[in-house]
C-alpha atoms as a PDB file:
ATOM      1  CA  MET A   1      35.333  40.401  17.572  1.00  0.00           C
ATOM      2  CA  VAL A   2      34.012  43.863  16.673  1.00  0.00           C
ATOM      3  CA  SER A   3      33.228  45.223  13.233  1.00  0.00           C
ATOM      4  CA  LEU A   4      33.980  48.881  12.569  1.00  0.00           C
ATOM      5  CA  ASN A   5      33.511  51.251   9.650  1.00  0.00           C
ATOM      6  CA  VAL A   6      36.545  53.546   9.705  1.00  0.00           C
ATOM      7  CA  ASN A   7      37.133  56.107   6.964  1.00  0.00           C
ATOM      8  CA  GLY A   8      34.735  54.199   4.717  1.00  0.00           C
ATOM      9  CA  LYS A   9      36.469  50.830   5.139  1.00  0.00           C
ATOM     10  CA  SER A  10      35.376  47.800   7.136  1.00  0.00           C
ATOM     11  CA  TYR A  11      37.642  46.459   9.869  1.00  0.00           C
ATOM     12  CA  GLN A  12      37.441  43.527  12.264  1.00  0.00           C
ATOM     13  CA  ALA A  13      39.205  43.732  15.604  1.00  0.00           C
ATOM     14  CA  ASP A  14      39.555  41.010  18.199  1.00  0.00           C
ATOM     15  CA  VAL A  15      39.435  43.190  21.307  1.00  0.00           C
ATOM     16  CA  ASP A  16      37.680  43.319  24.663  1.00  0.00           C
ATOM     17  CA  PRO A  17      34.388  45.239  24.227  1.00  0.00           C
ATOM     18  CA  HIS A  18      35.430  47.642  26.994  1.00  0.00           C
ATOM     19  CA  THR A  19      38.584  48.713  25.127  1.00  0.00           C
ATOM     20  CA  PRO A  20      38.512  52.440  24.366  1.00  0.00           C
ATOM     21  CA  LEU A  21      38.000  53.207  20.681  1.00  0.00           C
ATOM     22  CA  LEU A  22      41.297  55.128  20.691  1.00  0.00           C
ATOM     23  CA  TRP A  23      43.301  51.968  21.374  1.00  0.00           C
ATOM     24  CA  VAL A  24      41.370  49.924  18.824  1.00  0.00           C
ATOM     25  CA  LEU A  25      42.112  52.552  16.162  1.00  0.00           C
ATOM     26  CA  ARG A  26      45.798  52.814  17.083  1.00  0.00           C
ATOM     27  CA  ASP A  27      46.753  49.298  18.139  1.00  0.00           C
ATOM     28  CA  ALA A  28      44.329  46.921  16.417  1.00  0.00           C
ATOM     29  CA  ILE A  29      43.772  48.812  13.150  1.00  0.00           C
ATOM     30  CA  GLY A  30      47.065  50.722  12.935  1.00  0.00           C
ATOM     31  CA  LEU A  31      45.694  54.242  12.401  1.00  0.00           C
ATOM     32  CA  THR A  32      48.059  56.194  14.633  1.00  0.00           C
ATOM     33  CA  GLY A  33      47.074  59.738  13.653  1.00  0.00           C
ATOM     34  CA  THR A  34      44.635  59.833  16.552  1.00  0.00           C
ATOM     35  CA  LYS A  35      46.714  60.586  19.643  1.00  0.00           C
ATOM     36  CA  TYR A  36      46.545  59.656  23.306  1.00  0.00           C
ATOM     37  CA  GLY A  37      46.766  62.746  25.480  1.00  0.00           C
ATOM     38  CA  CYS A  38      45.095  62.446  28.851  1.00  0.00           C
ATOM     39  CA  GLY A  39      42.877  59.363  28.844  1.00  0.00           C
ATOM     40  CA  ILE A  40      39.985  61.197  30.511  1.00  0.00           C
ATOM     41  CA  ALA A  41      38.451  63.052  27.529  1.00  0.00           C
ATOM     42  CA  GLN A  42      39.752  66.447  28.638  1.00  0.00           C
ATOM     43  CA  CYS A  43      42.490  67.398  26.166  1.00  0.00           C
ATOM     44  CA  GLY A  44      40.947  66.409  22.818  1.00  0.00           C
ATOM     45  CA  ALA A  45      44.060  64.873  21.236  1.00  0.00           C
ATOM     46  CA  CYS A  46      42.011  61.729  20.564  1.00  0.00           C
ATOM     47  CA  THR A  47      39.116  63.460  18.774  1.00  0.00           C
ATOM     48  CA  VAL A  48      37.504  61.533  15.916  1.00  0.00           C
ATOM     49  CA  HIS A  49      34.083  61.788  14.285  1.00  0.00           C
ATOM     50  CA  LEU A  50      31.340  59.296  15.131  1.00  0.00           C
ATOM     51  CA  ASP A  51      28.608  59.769  12.551  1.00  0.00           C
ATOM     52  CA  GLY A  52      29.989  63.273  12.001  1.00  0.00           C
ATOM     53  CA  VAL A  53      30.070  64.285  15.671  1.00  0.00           C
ATOM     54  CA  ALA A  54      33.422  65.221  17.206  1.00  0.00           C
ATOM     55  CA  THR A  55      34.018  62.603  19.900  1.00  0.00           C
ATOM     56  CA  ARG A  56      36.894  61.976  22.275  1.00  0.00           C
ATOM     57  CA  SER A  57      37.773  58.396  21.504  1.00  0.00           C
ATOM     58  CA  CYS A  58      39.692  57.686  24.725  1.00  0.00           C
ATOM     59  CA  SER A  59      36.427  57.605  26.669  1.00  0.00           C
ATOM     60  CA  VAL A  60      34.259  55.601  24.253  1.00  0.00           C
ATOM     61  CA  PRO A  61      34.282  51.819  24.702  1.00  0.00           C
ATOM     62  CA  VAL A  62      34.412  50.132  21.322  1.00  0.00           C
ATOM     63  CA  SER A  63      31.188  48.282  22.203  1.00  0.00           C
ATOM     64  CA  ALA A  64      29.340  51.635  22.204  1.00  0.00           C
ATOM     65  CA  VAL A  65      30.297  52.416  18.610  1.00  0.00           C
ATOM     66  CA  GLY A  66      28.057  49.828  16.954  1.00  0.00           C
ATOM     67  CA  ALA A  67      27.333  50.661  13.313  1.00  0.00           C
ATOM     68  CA  LYS A  68      28.371  54.314  13.577  1.00  0.00           C
ATOM     69  CA  LYS A  69      30.749  55.572  10.921  1.00  0.00           C
ATOM     70  CA  ILE A  70      34.127  56.553  12.316  1.00  0.00           C
ATOM     71  CA  ALA A  71      36.293  59.194  10.653  1.00  0.00           C
ATOM     72  CA  THR A  72      39.879  59.773  11.722  1.00  0.00           C
ATOM     73  CA  ILE A  73      42.463  62.330  10.625  1.00  0.00           C
ATOM     74  CA  GLU A  74      43.702  59.773   8.068  1.00  0.00           C
ATOM     75  CA  GLY A  75      40.328  59.927   6.320  1.00  0.00           C
ATOM     76  CA  LEU A  76      39.771  63.684   6.354  1.00  0.00           C
ATOM     77  CA  ALA A  77      41.460  64.506   3.036  1.00  0.00           C
ATOM     78  CA  ALA A  78      39.505  63.440  -0.050  1.00  0.00           C
ATOM     79  CA  ASN A  79      40.464  62.664  -3.628  1.00  0.00           C
ATOM     80  CA  GLY A  80      44.085  63.616  -3.035  1.00  0.00           C
ATOM     81  CA  SER A  81      43.214  67.065  -1.694  1.00  0.00           C
ATOM     82  CA  LEU A  82      43.584  68.246   1.855  1.00  0.00           C
ATOM     83  CA  HIS A  83      40.445  69.176   3.770  1.00  0.00           C
ATOM     84  CA  LYS A  84      40.041  72.962   3.970  1.00  0.00           C
ATOM     85  CA  VAL A  85      40.890  72.875   7.686  1.00  0.00           C
ATOM     86  CA  GLN A  86      44.111  70.969   7.029  1.00  0.00           C
ATOM     87  CA  GLN A  87      45.072  73.512   4.363  1.00  0.00           C
ATOM     88  CA  ALA A  88      44.255  76.433   6.657  1.00  0.00           C
ATOM     89  CA  TRP A  89      46.446  74.845   9.348  1.00  0.00           C
ATOM     90  CA  ILE A  90      49.378  74.861   6.934  1.00  0.00           C
ATOM     91  CA  ASP A  91      48.645  78.343   5.562  1.00  0.00           C
ATOM     92  CA  HIS A  92      48.501  79.837   9.075  1.00  0.00           C
ATOM     93  CA  ASP A  93      51.458  77.932  10.561  1.00  0.00           C
ATOM     94  CA  VAL A  94      49.330  76.474  13.343  1.00  0.00           C
ATOM     95  CA  PRO A  95      51.396  73.438  14.388  1.00  0.00           C
ATOM     96  CA  GLN A  96      54.353  73.777  16.684  1.00  0.00           C
ATOM     97  CA  CYS A  97      54.992  70.430  18.344  1.00  0.00           C
ATOM     98  CA  GLY A  98      51.960  69.092  16.435  1.00  0.00           C
ATOM     99  CA  TYR A  99      50.811  66.597  19.031  1.00  0.00           C
ATOM    100  CA  CYS A 100      47.326  68.038  19.511  1.00  0.00           C
ATOM    101  CA  GLN A 101      46.782  68.903  15.871  1.00  0.00           C
ATOM    102  CA  SER A 102      44.936  65.839  14.569  1.00  0.00           C
ATOM    103  CA  GLY A 103      42.354  66.078  17.347  1.00  0.00           C
ATOM    104  CA  MET A 104      42.077  69.848  16.978  1.00  0.00           C
ATOM    105  CA  ILE A 105      41.599  69.583  13.203  1.00  0.00           C
ATOM    106  CA  MET A 106      38.906  66.933  13.638  1.00  0.00           C
ATOM    107  CA  ALA A 107      37.067  69.117  16.187  1.00  0.00           C
ATOM    108  CA  VAL A 108      37.249  72.133  13.866  1.00  0.00           C
ATOM    109  CA  ALA A 109      36.074  70.137  10.839  1.00  0.00           C
ATOM    110  CA  ALA A 110      33.010  69.030  12.815  1.00  0.00           C
ATOM    111  CA  LEU A 111      32.359  72.605  13.974  1.00  0.00           C
ATOM    112  CA  LEU A 112      32.503  73.983  10.424  1.00  0.00           C
ATOM    113  CA  LYS A 113      30.206  71.251   9.139  1.00  0.00           C
ATOM    114  CA  GLU A 114      27.618  72.218  11.749  1.00  0.00           C
ATOM    115  CA  ASN A 115      28.323  75.972  11.732  1.00  0.00           C
ATOM    116  CA  PRO A 116      30.011  77.106   8.483  1.00  0.00           C
ATOM    117  CA  LYS A 117      30.626  80.689   9.693  1.00  0.00           C
ATOM    118  CA  PRO A 118      31.396  80.509  13.419  1.00  0.00           C
ATOM    119  CA  SER A 119      31.936  83.619  15.481  1.00  0.00           C
ATOM    120  CA  ASP A 120      34.736  83.836  18.024  1.00  0.00           C
ATOM    121  CA  ALA A 121      32.184  82.962  20.718  1.00  0.00           C
ATOM    122  CA  ASP A 122      31.090  79.902  18.715  1.00  0.00           C
ATOM    123  CA  ILE A 123      34.715  78.801  18.413  1.00  0.00           C
ATOM    124  CA  ASP A 124      35.321  79.320  22.131  1.00  0.00           C
ATOM    125  CA  GLY A 125      32.252  77.240  22.965  1.00  0.00           C
ATOM    126  CA  ALA A 126      32.953  74.378  20.582  1.00  0.00           C
ATOM    127  CA  ILE A 127      36.733  73.996  20.465  1.00  0.00           C
ATOM    128  CA  THR A 128      37.853  72.949  23.916  1.00  0.00           C
ATOM    129  CA  ASN A 129      40.925  71.016  22.804  1.00  0.00           C
ATOM    130  CA  ILE A 130      44.125  71.804  24.666  1.00  0.00           C
ATOM    131  CA  CYS A 131      47.275  72.950  22.857  1.00  0.00           C
ATOM    132  CA  ARG A 132      50.281  72.845  25.152  1.00  0.00           C
ATOM    133  CA  CYS A 133      52.206  75.129  22.783  1.00  0.00           C
ATOM    134  CA  GLY A 134      49.505  77.803  23.042  1.00  0.00           C
ATOM    135  CA  THR A 135      48.839  78.312  19.327  1.00  0.00           C
ATOM    136  CA  TYR A 136      45.270  79.425  20.006  1.00  0.00           C
ATOM    137  CA  GLN A 137      45.559  82.681  18.026  1.00  0.00           C
ATOM    138  CA  GLN A 138      46.782  80.800  14.947  1.00  0.00           C
ATOM    139  CA  VAL A 139      44.020  78.222  15.480  1.00  0.00           C
ATOM    140  CA  ARG A 140      41.383  80.964  15.505  1.00  0.00           C
ATOM    141  CA  GLU A 141      42.836  82.577  12.359  1.00  0.00           C
ATOM    142  CA  ALA A 142      42.914  79.212  10.594  1.00  0.00           C
ATOM    143  CA  ILE A 143      39.305  78.464  11.562  1.00  0.00           C
ATOM    144  CA  HIS A 144      38.120  81.777  10.139  1.00  0.00           C
ATOM    145  CA  ALA A 145      40.180  81.185   6.961  1.00  0.00           C
ATOM    146  CA  ALA A 146      38.746  77.689   6.524  1.00  0.00           C
ATOM    147  CA  ALA A 147      35.242  79.093   7.020  1.00  0.00           C
ATOM    148  CA  VAL A 148      35.615  81.294   3.942  1.00  0.00           C
ATOM    149  CA  ALA A 149      37.531  78.731   1.838  1.00  0.00           C
END
């Protein structure tokens, strides 16, 4: 049995300690906003925050999480208001198929927390998530809009 703090709530999950955090979030807890993409931490669809750090949850065994606070896309909005990155995504029509979006938004939210005014080079270095639809120009525009929001 593992104890997790997800989006400010406590959860217990009866899972093997080697189970990737992604599957514990999706299957044991029922938070399905975090997506499975590649399973090898390359695409970023599974990005969540562990103590505020963007982390690809498909490659983190739940036993490595310990007491770290986990934030998922379901916990990003606060007090009934979208996070500024979520709003920028809507304002700039970023999603197409939408599959990569939760992981991309979580990666961007972590970037802006660490670097509130990123340059294009900062964005290129930090946001390595893959979008199969190729909405990278809209992503960049939305990041810059969120940075000034």
